[in-house]
């Protein structure tokens, strides 16, 4: 490490390989590098599109399985990007935050024809409104609009 010029990188040292060659060599080298980079970044897409599953030939169950697999992969990727647990993200989609909340009720909901359910106490109590909901409902006057005069000219 006696040479003090090792850490110096200049455009001249970078182009030293191409000194004395024609412009054609530089252009061909640049095109080859671009083709390699673009081709390498396109391989996953090409593999998926060429060798991927054909959705038209699948049954509904197979399409659902593939869709769930892709959604799971996407949720895992998002969770890794934001340093979260994938379960936390999927709980946001289900709503309640627990798997028991996703089970459908055994008896179908029948709309009440009369107000008897509300009077008997069978109806769910209305949750109190948050401060934001209260602020949204407040009617306020808008900004003052200046009067328009007709004598513009």
C-alpha atoms as a PDB file:
ATOM      1  CA  UNK A   1       0.000   0.000   0.000  1.00  0.00           C
ATOM      2  CA  UNK A   2       2.805   2.339  -0.747  1.00  0.00           C
ATOM      3  CA  UNK A   3       0.996   3.716  -3.763  1.00  0.00           C
ATOM      4  CA  UNK A   4      -1.024   6.760  -2.677  1.00  0.00           C
ATOM      5  CA  UNK A   5      -2.989   6.815  -5.954  1.00  0.00           C
ATOM      6  CA  UNK A   6      -4.994   3.642  -5.273  1.00  0.00           C
ATOM      7  CA  UNK A   7      -7.809   5.575  -3.617  1.00  0.00           C
ATOM      8  CA  UNK A   8      -7.953   8.125  -6.433  1.00  0.00           C
ATOM      9  CA  UNK A   9     -10.642   7.283  -8.948  1.00  0.00           C
ATOM     10  CA  UNK A  10     -10.952   9.652 -11.835  1.00  0.00           C
ATOM     11  CA  UNK A  11     -12.844   9.437 -15.092  1.00  0.00           C
ATOM     12  CA  UNK A  12      -9.538   8.906 -16.851  1.00  0.00           C
ATOM     13  CA  UNK A  13      -8.743   5.817 -14.784  1.00  0.00           C
ATOM     14  CA  UNK A  14     -12.258   4.461 -15.295  1.00  0.00           C
ATOM     15  CA  UNK A  15     -12.013   4.882 -19.059  1.00  0.00           C
ATOM     16  CA  UNK A  16      -8.455   3.552 -19.269  1.00  0.00           C
ATOM     17  CA  UNK A  17      -9.700   0.255 -20.699  1.00  0.00           C
ATOM     18  CA  UNK A  18     -11.385   2.057 -23.567  1.00  0.00           C
ATOM     19  CA  UNK A  19      -8.522   4.406 -24.455  1.00  0.00           C
ATOM     20  CA  UNK A  20      -7.503   3.947 -28.026  1.00  0.00           C
ATOM     21  CA  UNK A  21     -10.695   2.083 -28.966  1.00  0.00           C
ATOM     22  CA  UNK A  22     -13.473   3.455 -31.053  1.00  0.00           C
ATOM     23  CA  UNK A  23     -16.850   4.739 -30.043  1.00  0.00           C
ATOM     24  CA  UNK A  24     -18.387   1.563 -31.449  1.00  0.00           C
ATOM     25  CA  UNK A  25     -16.749  -0.566 -28.723  1.00  0.00           C
ATOM     26  CA  UNK A  26     -18.020   1.719 -25.965  1.00  0.00           C
ATOM     27  CA  UNK A  27     -21.575   1.659 -27.351  1.00  0.00           C
ATOM     28  CA  UNK A  28     -21.564  -2.142 -27.738  1.00  0.00           C
ATOM     29  CA  UNK A  29     -20.258  -2.560 -24.182  1.00  0.00           C
ATOM     30  CA  UNK A  30     -22.964  -0.219 -22.848  1.00  0.00           C
ATOM     31  CA  UNK A  31     -25.712  -2.064 -24.743  1.00  0.00           C
ATOM     32  CA  UNK A  32     -24.495  -5.440 -23.462  1.00  0.00           C
ATOM     33  CA  UNK A  33     -24.492  -4.188 -19.856  1.00  0.00           C
ATOM     34  CA  UNK A  34     -28.022  -2.803 -20.266  1.00  0.00           C
ATOM     35  CA  UNK A  35     -29.331  -6.034 -21.796  1.00  0.00           C
ATOM     36  CA  UNK A  36     -27.825  -8.092 -18.981  1.00  0.00           C
ATOM     37  CA  UNK A  37     -29.252  -5.854 -16.244  1.00  0.00           C
ATOM     38  CA  UNK A  38     -32.725  -5.611 -17.788  1.00  0.00           C
ATOM     39  CA  UNK A  39     -32.792  -9.320 -18.592  1.00  0.00           C
ATOM     40  CA  UNK A  40     -31.737 -10.299 -15.084  1.00  0.00           C
ATOM     41  CA  UNK A  41     -34.389  -8.098 -13.501  1.00  0.00           C
ATOM     42  CA  UNK A  42     -37.076  -9.500 -15.817  1.00  0.00           C
ATOM     43  CA  UNK A  43     -36.411 -13.183 -15.099  1.00  0.00           C
ATOM     44  CA  UNK A  44     -38.914 -13.515 -12.202  1.00  0.00           C
ATOM     45  CA  UNK A  45     -41.682 -11.931 -14.277  1.00  0.00           C
ATOM     46  CA  UNK A  46     -40.937 -14.091 -17.309  1.00  0.00           C
ATOM     47  CA  UNK A  47     -40.821 -17.284 -15.257  1.00  0.00           C
ATOM     48  CA  UNK A  48     -44.131 -16.434 -13.610  1.00  0.00           C
ATOM     49  CA  UNK A  49     -45.850 -15.490 -16.870  1.00  0.00           C
ATOM     50  CA  UNK A  50     -44.511 -18.409 -18.927  1.00  0.00           C
ATOM     51  CA  UNK A  51     -44.488 -21.208 -16.377  1.00  0.00           C
ATOM     52  CA  UNK A  52     -47.132 -19.814 -14.028  1.00  0.00           C
ATOM     53  CA  UNK A  53     -50.509 -21.387 -13.460  1.00  0.00           C
ATOM     54  CA  UNK A  54     -53.159 -20.785 -16.104  1.00  0.00           C
ATOM     55  CA  UNK A  55     -56.181 -19.391 -14.255  1.00  0.00           C
ATOM     56  CA  UNK A  56     -58.613 -20.315 -17.031  1.00  0.00           C
ATOM     57  CA  UNK A  57     -57.843 -24.015 -16.722  1.00  0.00           C
ATOM     58  CA  UNK A  58     -58.158 -24.077 -12.910  1.00  0.00           C
ATOM     59  CA  UNK A  59     -61.166 -24.940 -10.833  1.00  0.00           C
ATOM     60  CA  UNK A  60     -62.569 -22.387  -8.429  1.00  0.00           C
ATOM     61  CA  UNK A  61     -60.915 -24.112  -5.464  1.00  0.00           C
ATOM     62  CA  UNK A  62     -57.514 -24.034  -7.165  1.00  0.00           C
ATOM     63  CA  UNK A  63     -57.924 -20.340  -8.017  1.00  0.00           C
ATOM     64  CA  UNK A  64     -58.831 -19.592  -4.396  1.00  0.00           C
ATOM     65  CA  UNK A  65     -55.766 -21.509  -3.165  1.00  0.00           C
ATOM     66  CA  UNK A  66     -53.478 -19.614  -5.553  1.00  0.00           C
ATOM     67  CA  UNK A  67     -55.049 -16.280  -4.591  1.00  0.00           C
ATOM     68  CA  UNK A  68     -54.649 -17.039  -0.869  1.00  0.00           C
ATOM     69  CA  UNK A  69     -51.025 -18.045  -1.437  1.00  0.00           C
ATOM     70  CA  UNK A  70     -50.277 -14.819  -3.317  1.00  0.00           C
ATOM     71  CA  UNK A  71     -52.077 -12.718  -0.685  1.00  0.00           C
ATOM     72  CA  UNK A  72     -50.157 -14.433   2.112  1.00  0.00           C
ATOM     73  CA  UNK A  73     -46.858 -13.758   0.348  1.00  0.00           C
ATOM     74  CA  UNK A  74     -47.831 -10.118  -0.155  1.00  0.00           C
ATOM     75  CA  UNK A  75     -48.807  -9.691   3.507  1.00  0.00           C
ATOM     76  CA  UNK A  76     -45.515 -11.253   4.617  1.00  0.00           C
ATOM     77  CA  UNK A  77     -43.564  -8.904   2.336  1.00  0.00           C
ATOM     78  CA  UNK A  78     -45.443  -5.871   3.649  1.00  0.00           C
ATOM     79  CA  UNK A  79     -44.952  -7.001   7.247  1.00  0.00           C
ATOM     80  CA  UNK A  80     -41.226  -7.410   6.655  1.00  0.00           C
ATOM     81  CA  UNK A  81     -41.002  -3.935   5.087  1.00  0.00           C
ATOM     82  CA  UNK A  82     -42.717  -2.294   8.065  1.00  0.00           C
ATOM     83  CA  UNK A  83     -41.185  -4.617  10.684  1.00  0.00           C
ATOM     84  CA  UNK A  84     -44.569  -5.926  11.824  1.00  0.00           C
ATOM     85  CA  UNK A  85     -46.006  -9.322  12.573  1.00  0.00           C
ATOM     86  CA  UNK A  86     -47.982 -10.652   9.558  1.00  0.00           C
ATOM     87  CA  UNK A  87     -50.762 -11.697  11.964  1.00  0.00           C
ATOM     88  CA  UNK A  88     -51.265  -8.067  13.016  1.00  0.00           C
ATOM     89  CA  UNK A  89     -51.851  -7.048   9.408  1.00  0.00           C
ATOM     90  CA  UNK A  90     -54.211  -9.915   8.634  1.00  0.00           C
ATOM     91  CA  UNK A  91     -56.165  -9.126  11.823  1.00  0.00           C
ATOM     92  CA  UNK A  92     -56.816  -5.660  10.414  1.00  0.00           C
ATOM     93  CA  UNK A  93     -58.582  -7.273   7.462  1.00  0.00           C
ATOM     94  CA  UNK A  94     -60.720  -9.514   9.660  1.00  0.00           C
ATOM     95  CA  UNK A  95     -61.703  -6.598  11.834  1.00  0.00           C
ATOM     96  CA  UNK A  96     -61.887  -7.740  15.452  1.00  0.00           C
ATOM     97  CA  UNK A  97     -58.323  -8.835  15.987  1.00  0.00           C
ATOM     98  CA  UNK A  98     -59.087 -12.425  16.889  1.00  0.00           C
ATOM     99  CA  UNK A  99     -59.801 -15.464  14.779  1.00  0.00           C
ATOM    100  CA  UNK A 100     -63.026 -16.215  16.701  1.00  0.00           C
ATOM    101  CA  UNK A 101     -64.575 -13.039  15.317  1.00  0.00           C
ATOM    102  CA  UNK A 102     -64.373 -14.358  11.754  1.00  0.00           C
ATOM    103  CA  UNK A 103     -66.744 -17.283  12.436  1.00  0.00           C
ATOM    104  CA  UNK A 104     -70.175 -16.641  10.944  1.00  0.00           C
ATOM    105  CA  UNK A 105     -73.157 -16.725  13.351  1.00  0.00           C
ATOM    106  CA  UNK A 106     -75.146 -19.952  13.326  1.00  0.00           C
ATOM    107  CA  UNK A 107     -78.565 -18.331  13.048  1.00  0.00           C
ATOM    108  CA  UNK A 108     -79.334 -15.915  10.224  1.00  0.00           C
ATOM    109  CA  UNK A 109     -80.154 -12.350  11.108  1.00  0.00           C
ATOM    110  CA  UNK A 110     -83.821 -11.564  10.506  1.00  0.00           C
ATOM    111  CA  UNK A 111     -84.723  -7.892  10.226  1.00  0.00           C
ATOM    112  CA  UNK A 112     -87.359  -6.899  12.749  1.00  0.00           C
ATOM    113  CA  UNK A 113     -90.581  -5.760  11.140  1.00  0.00           C
ATOM    114  CA  UNK A 114     -91.588  -3.749  14.192  1.00  0.00           C
ATOM    115  CA  UNK A 115     -89.753  -1.843  16.895  1.00  0.00           C
ATOM    116  CA  UNK A 116     -90.308  -4.654  19.454  1.00  0.00           C
ATOM    117  CA  UNK A 117     -86.620  -5.674  19.498  1.00  0.00           C
ATOM    118  CA  UNK A 118     -85.499  -2.176  20.402  1.00  0.00           C
ATOM    119  CA  UNK A 119     -88.058  -1.928  23.171  1.00  0.00           C
ATOM    120  CA  UNK A 120     -87.295  -5.348  24.652  1.00  0.00           C
ATOM    121  CA  UNK A 121     -83.552  -4.663  24.888  1.00  0.00           C
ATOM    122  CA  UNK A 122     -82.482  -7.313  22.348  1.00  0.00           C
ATOM    123  CA  UNK A 123     -80.894  -4.724  20.057  1.00  0.00           C
ATOM    124  CA  UNK A 124     -77.225  -3.935  20.458  1.00  0.00           C
ATOM    125  CA  UNK A 125     -76.566  -0.737  22.371  1.00  0.00           C
ATOM    126  CA  UNK A 126     -75.259   2.095  20.224  1.00  0.00           C
ATOM    127  CA  UNK A 127     -71.632   2.833  20.945  1.00  0.00           C
ATOM    128  CA  UNK A 128     -70.788   6.350  22.053  1.00  0.00           C
ATOM    129  CA  UNK A 129     -69.429   8.666  19.378  1.00  0.00           C
ATOM    130  CA  UNK A 130     -65.785   9.607  19.427  1.00  0.00           C
ATOM    131  CA  UNK A 131     -64.549  13.174  19.556  1.00  0.00           C
ATOM    132  CA  UNK A 132     -63.769  13.102  15.825  1.00  0.00           C
ATOM    133  CA  UNK A 133     -67.294  11.930  14.954  1.00  0.00           C
ATOM    134  CA  UNK A 134     -68.734  14.684  17.123  1.00  0.00           C
ATOM    135  CA  UNK A 135     -66.500  17.300  15.478  1.00  0.00           C
ATOM    136  CA  UNK A 136     -67.578  16.143  12.002  1.00  0.00           C
ATOM    137  CA  UNK A 137     -71.259  16.550  12.826  1.00  0.00           C
ATOM    138  CA  UNK A 138     -70.857  20.131  14.067  1.00  0.00           C
ATOM    139  CA  UNK A 139     -72.232  22.638  11.559  1.00  0.00           C
ATOM    140  CA  UNK A 140     -70.087  25.733  11.307  1.00  0.00           C
ATOM    141  CA  UNK A 141     -70.212  28.848   9.169  1.00  0.00           C
ATOM    142  CA  UNK A 142     -67.760  28.902   6.305  1.00  0.00           C
ATOM    143  CA  UNK A 143     -65.341  31.692   5.479  1.00  0.00           C
ATOM    144  CA  UNK A 144     -66.683  35.131   4.668  1.00  0.00           C
ATOM    145  CA  UNK A 145     -67.036  35.699   0.922  1.00  0.00           C
ATOM    146  CA  UNK A 146     -66.379  39.215  -0.323  1.00  0.00           C
ATOM    147  CA  UNK A 147     -69.105  40.962  -2.250  1.00  0.00           C
ATOM    148  CA  UNK A 148     -68.737  40.986  -6.047  1.00  0.00           C
ATOM    149  CA  UNK A 149     -68.865  44.366  -7.708  1.00  0.00           C
ATOM    150  CA  UNK A 150     -70.174  44.785 -11.241  1.00  0.00           C
ATOM    151  CA  UNK A 151     -67.918  47.677 -12.239  1.00  0.00           C
ATOM    152  CA  UNK A 152     -64.818  45.623 -13.050  1.00  0.00           C
ATOM    153  CA  UNK A 153     -63.943  47.677 -16.136  1.00  0.00           C
END
